[in-house]
Amino acid sequence: MTPPLPPALGLRDPVLRDPAAARRVFWALAGAVLLWPMLTLSEFKPWLLLEPGALTPALRFAADFFPPRVDAEFAALLLRETWRTVTIATAGLALALLLAVPLALLSVRVLSVSILRGRMARWPALARQSARWLLLVLRSVPELVWALVFVRVVGLGPASGVLAIALTYGGMLGKVYADILESGDPHVSSSLLRNGCGRLQTFFYGLLPQEAAELTSYTVYRWECAIRSSAVLGFVGAGGLGQQLDSSLKMFNGSEVASILLVFMALVWAADRMSAALRRGLA
C-alpha cells in the first residue's frame, strides 16, 4: 500500500495549528480590557514624565549621578552604614525565623499524628488554624507600618527596623515554609509517624531532607528582601543606608545617591551568589 503523500508546500496542515491559539488571544484581550480601567483609576500617566516641567529637573538630577562619590570620607560612611543595614536585615530575619519555624511546624497538616486516623482531631485542627491566622495577621501589616509603630515605642534607631522586619517576615516565612512542607511526599512523613516518630523527628528525617534546597533558597531570598526593606525603613528613622539615602535625596546630591544605589546592587548580587552556592551544596 502506497503511503500518503506529504502535504504540498504552501498548504497549512490543520495538525500543525496551535489548538490553544484562540484561547490565548481571548485571554490576552480580556486581560487588556480589565487592565485598562485599573490603569485609569490609578491615574497611571507615564507621558507626564516627558513634559518639559518634569523632564528637565529629572535629567538634571540624573546627570548629577555621574560620577558617583567615592572619596575616602564618604566611603568610610558607606561602609559603616552598609554594615548597619546588613546587621538590621540579619537580626530581623533571625528573629523572624524564631517566629516562623514553630508556627510553620504547628500549621503543617502532614505532621499531625491525628491525621493518621483519616481526619484531624478538633484540638489539633484548632491549633493549626490558629497558627495560620497568626501568620496571616503578621504578614498582613507591612514592615513600614510596624516600623512607624516601633519608632513610637522604642524610639529612632535600628531596633525599630529589626522588630518590624521580624514580625512581617515571620509571617511571610511561616506561610511559605508551611506550603513548601505541605507539598512534600506525605508517604514518608506518615510512615515515620506510624512507626512511633515524633513531630520533630518526622520533620528532620522526613520533610526537611526533601525540601532543604527550596527552604534555603527562599530564606536567602527573604534575607535579600530584608536588606531592601531596611533601606525603606531608614526613611522613617530606622538607620542604615536608607537613612543616608533619604538625607542625600533631600539634599539633591545625586553623586551620593548613585554610590548608595551601587552598594545596594552589590549587596543583592552577593545574596544571589550566596543562594546559588547554598543550592549547589544541598543538591
C-alpha atoms as a PDB file:
ATOM      1  CA  MET A   1       0.000   0.000   0.000  1.00  0.00           C
ATOM      2  CA  THR A   2       1.400   3.362  -1.020  1.00  0.00           C
ATOM      3  CA  PRO A   3       1.965   5.688   1.954  1.00  0.00           C
ATOM      4  CA  PRO A   4       0.086   9.010   1.847  1.00  0.00           C
ATOM      5  CA  LEU A   5       1.945  11.854   0.251  1.00  0.00           C
ATOM      6  CA  PRO A   6       3.067  14.768   2.475  1.00  0.00           C
ATOM      7  CA  PRO A   7       1.002  17.939   2.199  1.00  0.00           C
ATOM      8  CA  ALA A   8       2.027  20.259  -0.573  1.00  0.00           C
ATOM      9  CA  LEU A   9       4.189  23.207   0.247  1.00  0.00           C
ATOM     10  CA  GLY A  10       2.214  26.326   0.998  1.00  0.00           C
ATOM     11  CA  LEU A  11      -0.798  24.401   2.328  1.00  0.00           C
ATOM     12  CA  ARG A  12      -1.454  24.705   6.034  1.00  0.00           C
ATOM     13  CA  ASP A  13      -1.650  21.397   7.879  1.00  0.00           C
ATOM     14  CA  PRO A  14      -4.511  21.541  10.428  1.00  0.00           C
ATOM     15  CA  VAL A  15      -2.497  19.280  12.735  1.00  0.00           C
ATOM     16  CA  LEU A  16       0.266  21.902  12.990  1.00  0.00           C
ATOM     17  CA  ARG A  17      -2.088  24.632  14.167  1.00  0.00           C
ATOM     18  CA  ASP A  18      -1.911  25.661  17.796  1.00  0.00           C
ATOM     19  CA  PRO A  19      -5.200  24.468  19.338  1.00  0.00           C
ATOM     20  CA  ALA A  20      -4.862  26.956  22.193  1.00  0.00           C
ATOM     21  CA  ALA A  21      -4.180  29.993  19.998  1.00  0.00           C
ATOM     22  CA  ALA A  22      -7.752  31.281  20.089  1.00  0.00           C
ATOM     23  CA  ARG A  23      -7.905  30.815  23.851  1.00  0.00           C
ATOM     24  CA  ARG A  24      -4.633  32.706  24.364  1.00  0.00           C
ATOM     25  CA  VAL A  25      -5.797  35.588  22.178  1.00  0.00           C
ATOM     26  CA  PHE A  26      -9.097  35.743  24.077  1.00  0.00           C
ATOM     27  CA  TRP A  27      -7.437  35.877  27.497  1.00  0.00           C
ATOM     28  CA  ALA A  28      -4.886  38.415  26.284  1.00  0.00           C
ATOM     29  CA  LEU A  29      -7.676  40.704  25.082  1.00  0.00           C
ATOM     30  CA  ALA A  30      -9.667  40.081  28.283  1.00  0.00           C
ATOM     31  CA  GLY A  31      -6.617  40.974  30.356  1.00  0.00           C
ATOM     32  CA  ALA A  32      -6.149  44.196  28.393  1.00  0.00           C
ATOM     33  CA  VAL A  33      -9.831  45.094  28.872  1.00  0.00           C
ATOM     34  CA  LEU A  34      -9.539  44.506  32.627  1.00  0.00           C
ATOM     35  CA  LEU A  35      -6.192  46.273  32.940  1.00  0.00           C
ATOM     36  CA  TRP A  36      -7.236  49.490  31.220  1.00  0.00           C
ATOM     37  CA  PRO A  37      -9.822  50.656  33.800  1.00  0.00           C
ATOM     38  CA  MET A  38      -7.347  49.754  36.589  1.00  0.00           C
ATOM     39  CA  LEU A  39      -4.701  51.956  34.996  1.00  0.00           C
ATOM     40  CA  THR A  40      -7.292  54.695  34.578  1.00  0.00           C
ATOM     41  CA  LEU A  41      -8.420  54.509  38.217  1.00  0.00           C
ATOM     42  CA  SER A  42      -4.815  54.548  39.413  1.00  0.00           C
ATOM     43  CA  GLU A  43      -4.174  57.663  37.263  1.00  0.00           C
ATOM     44  CA  PHE A  44      -1.262  55.958  35.541  1.00  0.00           C
ATOM     45  CA  LYS A  45       0.017  58.618  33.141  1.00  0.00           C
ATOM     46  CA  PRO A  46       3.662  57.904  32.225  1.00  0.00           C
ATOM     47  CA  TRP A  47       3.593  60.532  29.489  1.00  0.00           C
ATOM     48  CA  LEU A  48       3.652  63.200  32.203  1.00  0.00           C
ATOM     49  CA  LEU A  49       7.323  62.332  32.722  1.00  0.00           C
ATOM     50  CA  LEU A  50       8.042  63.667  29.227  1.00  0.00           C
ATOM     51  CA  GLU A  51       6.591  67.122  29.870  1.00  0.00           C
ATOM     52  CA  PRO A  52       9.217  69.909  29.933  1.00  0.00           C
ATOM     53  CA  GLY A  53       8.394  70.884  33.509  1.00  0.00           C
ATOM     54  CA  ALA A  54       9.125  67.345  34.748  1.00  0.00           C
ATOM     55  CA  LEU A  55      11.734  66.160  32.266  1.00  0.00           C
ATOM     56  CA  THR A  56      14.260  68.952  32.758  1.00  0.00           C
ATOM     57  CA  PRO A  57      14.670  68.593  36.562  1.00  0.00           C
ATOM     58  CA  ALA A  58      14.738  64.780  36.225  1.00  0.00           C
ATOM     59  CA  LEU A  59      17.512  64.904  33.632  1.00  0.00           C
ATOM     60  CA  ARG A  60      19.448  67.426  35.711  1.00  0.00           C
ATOM     61  CA  PHE A  61      19.204  65.219  38.789  1.00  0.00           C
ATOM     62  CA  ALA A  62      20.163  62.116  36.773  1.00  0.00           C
ATOM     63  CA  ALA A  63      23.200  63.942  35.396  1.00  0.00           C
ATOM     64  CA  ASP A  64      24.367  64.538  38.968  1.00  0.00           C
ATOM     65  CA  PHE A  65      24.657  60.750  39.406  1.00  0.00           C
ATOM     66  CA  PHE A  66      27.901  60.766  37.428  1.00  0.00           C
ATOM     67  CA  PRO A  67      30.481  60.347  38.672  1.00  0.00           C
ATOM     68  CA  PRO A  68      29.458  58.636  41.945  1.00  0.00           C
ATOM     69  CA  ARG A  69      31.071  59.947  45.111  1.00  0.00           C
ATOM     70  CA  VAL A  70      33.969  57.668  46.082  1.00  0.00           C
ATOM     71  CA  ASP A  71      36.180  59.786  48.342  1.00  0.00           C
ATOM     72  CA  ALA A  72      37.627  58.203  51.477  1.00  0.00           C
ATOM     73  CA  GLU A  73      35.360  60.039  53.935  1.00  0.00           C
ATOM     74  CA  PHE A  74      32.141  59.052  52.176  1.00  0.00           C
ATOM     75  CA  ALA A  75      33.418  55.519  51.528  1.00  0.00           C
ATOM     76  CA  ALA A  76      34.009  55.071  55.270  1.00  0.00           C
ATOM     77  CA  LEU A  77      30.490  56.344  55.956  1.00  0.00           C
ATOM     78  CA  LEU A  78      29.051  53.938  53.364  1.00  0.00           C
ATOM     79  CA  LEU A  79      30.958  51.018  54.855  1.00  0.00           C
ATOM     80  CA  ARG A  80      29.624  51.763  58.337  1.00  0.00           C
ATOM     81  CA  GLU A  81      26.035  52.207  57.166  1.00  0.00           C
ATOM     82  CA  THR A  82      26.250  49.129  54.938  1.00  0.00           C
ATOM     83  CA  TRP A  83      27.311  47.038  57.916  1.00  0.00           C
ATOM     84  CA  ARG A  84      24.448  48.508  59.933  1.00  0.00           C
ATOM     85  CA  THR A  85      21.970  47.710  57.146  1.00  0.00           C
ATOM     86  CA  VAL A  86      23.162  44.105  56.864  1.00  0.00           C
ATOM     87  CA  THR A  87      23.010  43.815  60.653  1.00  0.00           C
ATOM     88  CA  ILE A  88      19.416  45.098  60.754  1.00  0.00           C
ATOM     89  CA  ALA A  89      18.356  42.694  57.996  1.00  0.00           C
ATOM     90  CA  THR A  90      20.152  39.689  59.515  1.00  0.00           C
ATOM     91  CA  ALA A  91      18.961  40.291  63.079  1.00  0.00           C
ATOM     92  CA  GLY A  92      15.413  40.889  61.862  1.00  0.00           C
ATOM     93  CA  LEU A  93      15.447  37.704  59.791  1.00  0.00           C
ATOM     94  CA  ALA A  94      16.874  35.697  62.708  1.00  0.00           C
ATOM     95  CA  LEU A  95      14.014  36.839  64.943  1.00  0.00           C
ATOM     96  CA  ALA A  96      11.588  36.131  62.095  1.00  0.00           C
ATOM     97  CA  LEU A  97      12.862  32.549  61.934  1.00  0.00           C
ATOM     98  CA  LEU A  98      12.206  32.146  65.655  1.00  0.00           C
ATOM     99  CA  LEU A  99       8.584  33.041  64.918  1.00  0.00           C
ATOM    100  CA  ALA A 100       8.202  31.318  61.568  1.00  0.00           C
ATOM    101  CA  VAL A 101       9.628  27.850  62.219  1.00  0.00           C
ATOM    102  CA  PRO A 102       7.445  26.892  65.226  1.00  0.00           C
ATOM    103  CA  LEU A 103       4.311  28.366  63.646  1.00  0.00           C
ATOM    104  CA  ALA A 104       5.044  26.621  60.356  1.00  0.00           C
ATOM    105  CA  LEU A 105       5.545  23.258  62.057  1.00  0.00           C
ATOM    106  CA  LEU A 106       2.349  23.783  64.020  1.00  0.00           C
ATOM    107  CA  SER A 107       0.352  24.596  60.898  1.00  0.00           C
ATOM    108  CA  VAL A 108       1.651  21.753  58.700  1.00  0.00           C
ATOM    109  CA  ARG A 109      -1.074  19.177  58.304  1.00  0.00           C
ATOM    110  CA  VAL A 110       1.168  16.221  57.414  1.00  0.00           C
ATOM    111  CA  LEU A 111       2.964  16.454  60.779  1.00  0.00           C
ATOM    112  CA  SER A 112      -0.223  15.847  62.738  1.00  0.00           C
ATOM    113  CA  VAL A 113      -0.453  12.437  64.399  1.00  0.00           C
ATOM    114  CA  SER A 114      -4.256  12.568  64.479  1.00  0.00           C
ATOM    115  CA  ILE A 115      -4.385  12.829  60.676  1.00  0.00           C
ATOM    116  CA  LEU A 116      -3.312   9.167  60.519  1.00  0.00           C
ATOM    117  CA  ARG A 117      -6.859   8.198  61.505  1.00  0.00           C
ATOM    118  CA  GLY A 118      -8.218   9.956  58.417  1.00  0.00           C
ATOM    119  CA  ARG A 119      -9.425  13.212  59.931  1.00  0.00           C
ATOM    120  CA  MET A 120      -7.597  15.656  62.160  1.00  0.00           C
ATOM    121  CA  ALA A 121      -8.890  15.856  65.725  1.00  0.00           C
ATOM    122  CA  ARG A 122     -10.646  19.005  66.927  1.00  0.00           C
ATOM    123  CA  TRP A 123      -7.922  20.493  69.111  1.00  0.00           C
ATOM    124  CA  PRO A 124      -5.033  19.879  66.683  1.00  0.00           C
ATOM    125  CA  ALA A 125      -7.186  21.366  63.904  1.00  0.00           C
ATOM    126  CA  LEU A 126      -7.912  24.422  66.050  1.00  0.00           C
ATOM    127  CA  ALA A 127      -4.226  24.842  66.892  1.00  0.00           C
ATOM    128  CA  ARG A 128      -3.296  24.540  63.220  1.00  0.00           C
ATOM    129  CA  GLN A 129      -5.895  27.101  62.163  1.00  0.00           C
ATOM    130  CA  SER A 130      -4.857  29.489  64.960  1.00  0.00           C
ATOM    131  CA  ALA A 131      -1.231  29.320  63.802  1.00  0.00           C
ATOM    132  CA  ARG A 132      -2.284  30.098  60.246  1.00  0.00           C
ATOM    133  CA  TRP A 133      -4.397  33.048  61.421  1.00  0.00           C
ATOM    134  CA  LEU A 134      -1.459  34.409  63.396  1.00  0.00           C
ATOM    135  CA  LEU A 135       0.792  34.120  60.336  1.00  0.00           C
ATOM    136  CA  LEU A 136      -1.897  35.922  58.334  1.00  0.00           C
ATOM    137  CA  VAL A 137      -2.021  38.795  60.824  1.00  0.00           C
ATOM    138  CA  LEU A 138       1.774  39.145  60.943  1.00  0.00           C
ATOM    139  CA  ARG A 139       2.258  39.308  57.186  1.00  0.00           C
ATOM    140  CA  SER A 140      -0.801  41.481  56.556  1.00  0.00           C
ATOM    141  CA  VAL A 141       0.791  44.527  58.213  1.00  0.00           C
ATOM    142  CA  PRO A 142       3.650  45.956  56.082  1.00  0.00           C
ATOM    143  CA  GLU A 143       7.018  46.330  57.750  1.00  0.00           C
ATOM    144  CA  LEU A 144       6.860  50.083  57.190  1.00  0.00           C
ATOM    145  CA  VAL A 145       3.742  50.292  59.383  1.00  0.00           C
ATOM    146  CA  TRP A 146       5.367  48.143  62.067  1.00  0.00           C
ATOM    147  CA  ALA A 147       8.421  50.422  61.929  1.00  0.00           C
ATOM    148  CA  LEU A 148       6.273  53.523  62.458  1.00  0.00           C
ATOM    149  CA  VAL A 149       4.701  51.821  65.474  1.00  0.00           C
ATOM    150  CA  PHE A 150       8.029  50.751  66.985  1.00  0.00           C
ATOM    151  CA  VAL A 151       9.607  54.165  66.372  1.00  0.00           C
ATOM    152  CA  ARG A 152       6.968  55.497  68.772  1.00  0.00           C
ATOM    153  CA  VAL A 153       7.668  52.668  71.245  1.00  0.00           C
ATOM    154  CA  VAL A 154      11.472  52.248  71.235  1.00  0.00           C
ATOM    155  CA  GLY A 155      12.468  55.486  69.519  1.00  0.00           C
ATOM    156  CA  LEU A 156      14.559  56.161  66.428  1.00  0.00           C
ATOM    157  CA  GLY A 157      17.287  53.704  65.563  1.00  0.00           C
ATOM    158  CA  PRO A 158      17.931  50.191  64.250  1.00  0.00           C
ATOM    159  CA  ALA A 159      15.825  48.463  66.935  1.00  0.00           C
ATOM    160  CA  SER A 160      12.565  49.573  65.328  1.00  0.00           C
ATOM    161  CA  GLY A 161      13.734  48.244  61.953  1.00  0.00           C
ATOM    162  CA  VAL A 162      14.766  44.890  63.411  1.00  0.00           C
ATOM    163  CA  LEU A 163      11.402  44.410  65.130  1.00  0.00           C
ATOM    164  CA  ALA A 164       9.445  45.496  62.045  1.00  0.00           C
ATOM    165  CA  ILE A 165      11.287  43.025  59.802  1.00  0.00           C
ATOM    166  CA  ALA A 166      10.934  40.272  62.415  1.00  0.00           C
ATOM    167  CA  LEU A 167       7.153  40.495  62.605  1.00  0.00           C
ATOM    168  CA  THR A 168       6.338  40.900  58.908  1.00  0.00           C
ATOM    169  CA  TYR A 169       8.923  38.421  57.664  1.00  0.00           C
ATOM    170  CA  GLY A 170       7.970  35.969  60.404  1.00  0.00           C
ATOM    171  CA  GLY A 171       4.501  35.793  58.882  1.00  0.00           C
ATOM    172  CA  MET A 172       5.827  35.515  55.326  1.00  0.00           C
ATOM    173  CA  LEU A 173       8.406  32.849  56.117  1.00  0.00           C
ATOM    174  CA  GLY A 174       5.991  30.791  58.211  1.00  0.00           C
ATOM    175  CA  LYS A 175       3.346  30.797  55.478  1.00  0.00           C
ATOM    176  CA  VAL A 176       5.745  29.788  52.708  1.00  0.00           C
ATOM    177  CA  TYR A 177       7.571  27.240  54.874  1.00  0.00           C
ATOM    178  CA  ALA A 178       4.253  25.568  55.664  1.00  0.00           C
ATOM    179  CA  ASP A 179       3.261  25.500  51.987  1.00  0.00           C
ATOM    180  CA  ILE A 180       6.631  24.040  50.963  1.00  0.00           C
ATOM    181  CA  LEU A 181       6.471  21.329  53.624  1.00  0.00           C
ATOM    182  CA  GLU A 182       2.875  20.504  52.710  1.00  0.00           C
ATOM    183  CA  SER A 183       3.935  19.955  49.090  1.00  0.00           C
ATOM    184  CA  GLY A 184       6.428  17.236  50.086  1.00  0.00           C
ATOM    185  CA  ASP A 185       5.811  13.496  49.788  1.00  0.00           C
ATOM    186  CA  PRO A 186       3.259  12.674  52.520  1.00  0.00           C
ATOM    187  CA  HIS A 187       4.053   8.966  52.484  1.00  0.00           C
ATOM    188  CA  VAL A 188       7.453   9.491  54.095  1.00  0.00           C
ATOM    189  CA  SER A 189       6.112  11.553  56.994  1.00  0.00           C
ATOM    190  CA  SER A 190       3.104   9.275  57.533  1.00  0.00           C
ATOM    191  CA  SER A 191       5.350   6.213  57.609  1.00  0.00           C
ATOM    192  CA  LEU A 192       7.598   7.802  60.227  1.00  0.00           C
ATOM    193  CA  LEU A 193       4.612   8.845  62.356  1.00  0.00           C
ATOM    194  CA  ARG A 194       3.063   5.376  62.137  1.00  0.00           C
ATOM    195  CA  ASN A 195       6.325   3.866  63.361  1.00  0.00           C
ATOM    196  CA  GLY A 196       6.371   5.991  66.505  1.00  0.00           C
ATOM    197  CA  CYS A 197       8.434   9.009  65.468  1.00  0.00           C
ATOM    198  CA  GLY A 198       7.545  12.383  66.946  1.00  0.00           C
ATOM    199  CA  ARG A 199       6.736  15.543  65.009  1.00  0.00           C
ATOM    200  CA  LEU A 200      10.286  16.916  65.209  1.00  0.00           C
ATOM    201  CA  GLN A 201      11.843  13.594  64.210  1.00  0.00           C
ATOM    202  CA  THR A 202       9.460  13.373  61.257  1.00  0.00           C
ATOM    203  CA  PHE A 203      10.352  16.909  60.260  1.00  0.00           C
ATOM    204  CA  PHE A 204      14.136  16.453  60.481  1.00  0.00           C
ATOM    205  CA  TYR A 205      14.302  12.987  58.898  1.00  0.00           C
ATOM    206  CA  GLY A 206      11.298  13.070  56.582  1.00  0.00           C
ATOM    207  CA  LEU A 207      10.306  16.517  55.324  1.00  0.00           C
ATOM    208  CA  LEU A 208      13.495  18.556  55.740  1.00  0.00           C
ATOM    209  CA  PRO A 209      15.744  16.366  53.516  1.00  0.00           C
ATOM    210  CA  GLN A 210      13.184  16.622  50.710  1.00  0.00           C
ATOM    211  CA  GLU A 211      12.714  20.388  50.843  1.00  0.00           C
ATOM    212  CA  ALA A 212      16.042  21.650  52.242  1.00  0.00           C
ATOM    213  CA  ALA A 213      17.187  23.248  48.976  1.00  0.00           C
ATOM    214  CA  GLU A 214      13.908  25.092  48.399  1.00  0.00           C
ATOM    215  CA  LEU A 215      13.680  26.235  52.032  1.00  0.00           C
ATOM    216  CA  THR A 216      17.259  27.509  51.961  1.00  0.00           C
ATOM    217  CA  SER A 217      16.791  29.305  48.651  1.00  0.00           C
ATOM    218  CA  TYR A 218      13.652  31.049  49.875  1.00  0.00           C
ATOM    219  CA  THR A 219      15.297  32.018  53.182  1.00  0.00           C
ATOM    220  CA  VAL A 220      18.260  33.630  51.415  1.00  0.00           C
ATOM    221  CA  TYR A 221      15.853  35.394  49.067  1.00  0.00           C
ATOM    222  CA  ARG A 222      13.979  36.778  52.067  1.00  0.00           C
ATOM    223  CA  TRP A 223      17.284  37.936  53.549  1.00  0.00           C
ATOM    224  CA  GLU A 224      17.895  39.808  50.306  1.00  0.00           C
ATOM    225  CA  CYS A 225      14.409  41.332  50.589  1.00  0.00           C
ATOM    226  CA  ALA A 226      15.131  42.257  54.217  1.00  0.00           C
ATOM    227  CA  ILE A 227      18.176  44.221  53.073  1.00  0.00           C
ATOM    228  CA  ARG A 228      15.995  46.169  50.661  1.00  0.00           C
ATOM    229  CA  SER A 229      13.322  46.622  53.330  1.00  0.00           C
ATOM    230  CA  SER A 230      15.892  48.013  55.751  1.00  0.00           C
ATOM    231  CA  ALA A 231      16.610  50.711  53.179  1.00  0.00           C
ATOM    232  CA  VAL A 232      12.950  51.709  53.099  1.00  0.00           C
ATOM    233  CA  LEU A 233      12.743  51.599  56.885  1.00  0.00           C
ATOM    234  CA  GLY A 234      15.643  54.023  57.049  1.00  0.00           C
ATOM    235  CA  PHE A 235      13.310  56.700  55.668  1.00  0.00           C
ATOM    236  CA  VAL A 236      11.315  56.537  58.916  1.00  0.00           C
ATOM    237  CA  GLY A 237      14.364  56.694  61.164  1.00  0.00           C
ATOM    238  CA  ALA A 238      15.440  53.055  61.414  1.00  0.00           C
ATOM    239  CA  GLY A 239      19.022  53.873  60.451  1.00  0.00           C
ATOM    240  CA  GLY A 240      21.316  52.240  57.924  1.00  0.00           C
ATOM    241  CA  LEU A 241      21.788  53.030  54.261  1.00  0.00           C
ATOM    242  CA  GLY A 242      18.146  54.026  53.906  1.00  0.00           C
ATOM    243  CA  GLN A 243      18.532  56.944  56.283  1.00  0.00           C
ATOM    244  CA  GLN A 244      21.663  58.059  54.455  1.00  0.00           C
ATOM    245  CA  LEU A 245      19.828  57.729  51.128  1.00  0.00           C
ATOM    246  CA  ASP A 246      16.989  59.858  52.496  1.00  0.00           C
ATOM    247  CA  SER A 247      19.449  62.573  53.525  1.00  0.00           C
ATOM    248  CA  SER A 248      21.188  62.537  50.139  1.00  0.00           C
ATOM    249  CA  LEU A 249      17.873  62.721  48.276  1.00  0.00           C
ATOM    250  CA  LYS A 250      16.721  65.661  50.374  1.00  0.00           C
ATOM    251  CA  MET A 251      19.973  67.476  49.594  1.00  0.00           C
ATOM    252  CA  PHE A 252      19.632  66.616  45.858  1.00  0.00           C
ATOM    253  CA  ASN A 253      23.102  65.085  45.969  1.00  0.00           C
ATOM    254  CA  GLY A 254      22.991  62.739  43.003  1.00  0.00           C
ATOM    255  CA  SER A 255      26.580  61.502  43.314  1.00  0.00           C
ATOM    256  CA  GLU A 256      25.922  60.198  46.846  1.00  0.00           C
ATOM    257  CA  VAL A 257      22.640  58.618  45.735  1.00  0.00           C
ATOM    258  CA  ALA A 258      24.465  56.818  42.906  1.00  0.00           C
ATOM    259  CA  SER A 259      27.077  55.434  45.308  1.00  0.00           C
ATOM    260  CA  ILE A 260      24.417  54.181  47.722  1.00  0.00           C
ATOM    261  CA  LEU A 261      22.439  52.518  44.917  1.00  0.00           C
ATOM    262  CA  LEU A 262      25.603  50.794  43.692  1.00  0.00           C
ATOM    263  CA  VAL A 263      26.149  49.417  47.190  1.00  0.00           C
ATOM    264  CA  PHE A 264      22.594  48.067  47.209  1.00  0.00           C
ATOM    265  CA  MET A 265      23.204  46.359  43.871  1.00  0.00           C
ATOM    266  CA  ALA A 266      26.380  44.793  45.260  1.00  0.00           C
ATOM    267  CA  LEU A 267      24.516  43.501  48.323  1.00  0.00           C
ATOM    268  CA  VAL A 268      21.764  41.950  46.184  1.00  0.00           C
ATOM    269  CA  TRP A 269      24.386  40.362  43.914  1.00  0.00           C
ATOM    270  CA  ALA A 270      26.191  38.906  46.943  1.00  0.00           C
ATOM    271  CA  ALA A 271      22.927  37.474  48.289  1.00  0.00           C
ATOM    272  CA  ASP A 272      22.164  35.929  44.893  1.00  0.00           C
ATOM    273  CA  ARG A 273      25.619  34.297  44.746  1.00  0.00           C
ATOM    274  CA  MET A 274      25.194  33.005  48.283  1.00  0.00           C
ATOM    275  CA  SER A 275      21.836  31.472  47.395  1.00  0.00           C
ATOM    276  CA  ALA A 276      23.286  29.764  44.325  1.00  0.00           C
ATOM    277  CA  ALA A 277      26.226  28.359  46.332  1.00  0.00           C
ATOM    278  CA  LEU A 278      23.933  27.005  49.039  1.00  0.00           C
ATOM    279  CA  ARG A 279      21.657  25.361  46.471  1.00  0.00           C
ATOM    280  CA  ARG A 280      24.655  23.684  44.836  1.00  0.00           C
ATOM    281  CA  GLY A 281      25.858  22.468  48.233  1.00  0.00           C
ATOM    282  CA  LEU A 282      22.461  20.952  49.059  1.00  0.00           C
ATOM    283  CA  ALA A 283      21.902  19.437  45.604  1.00  0.00           C
END
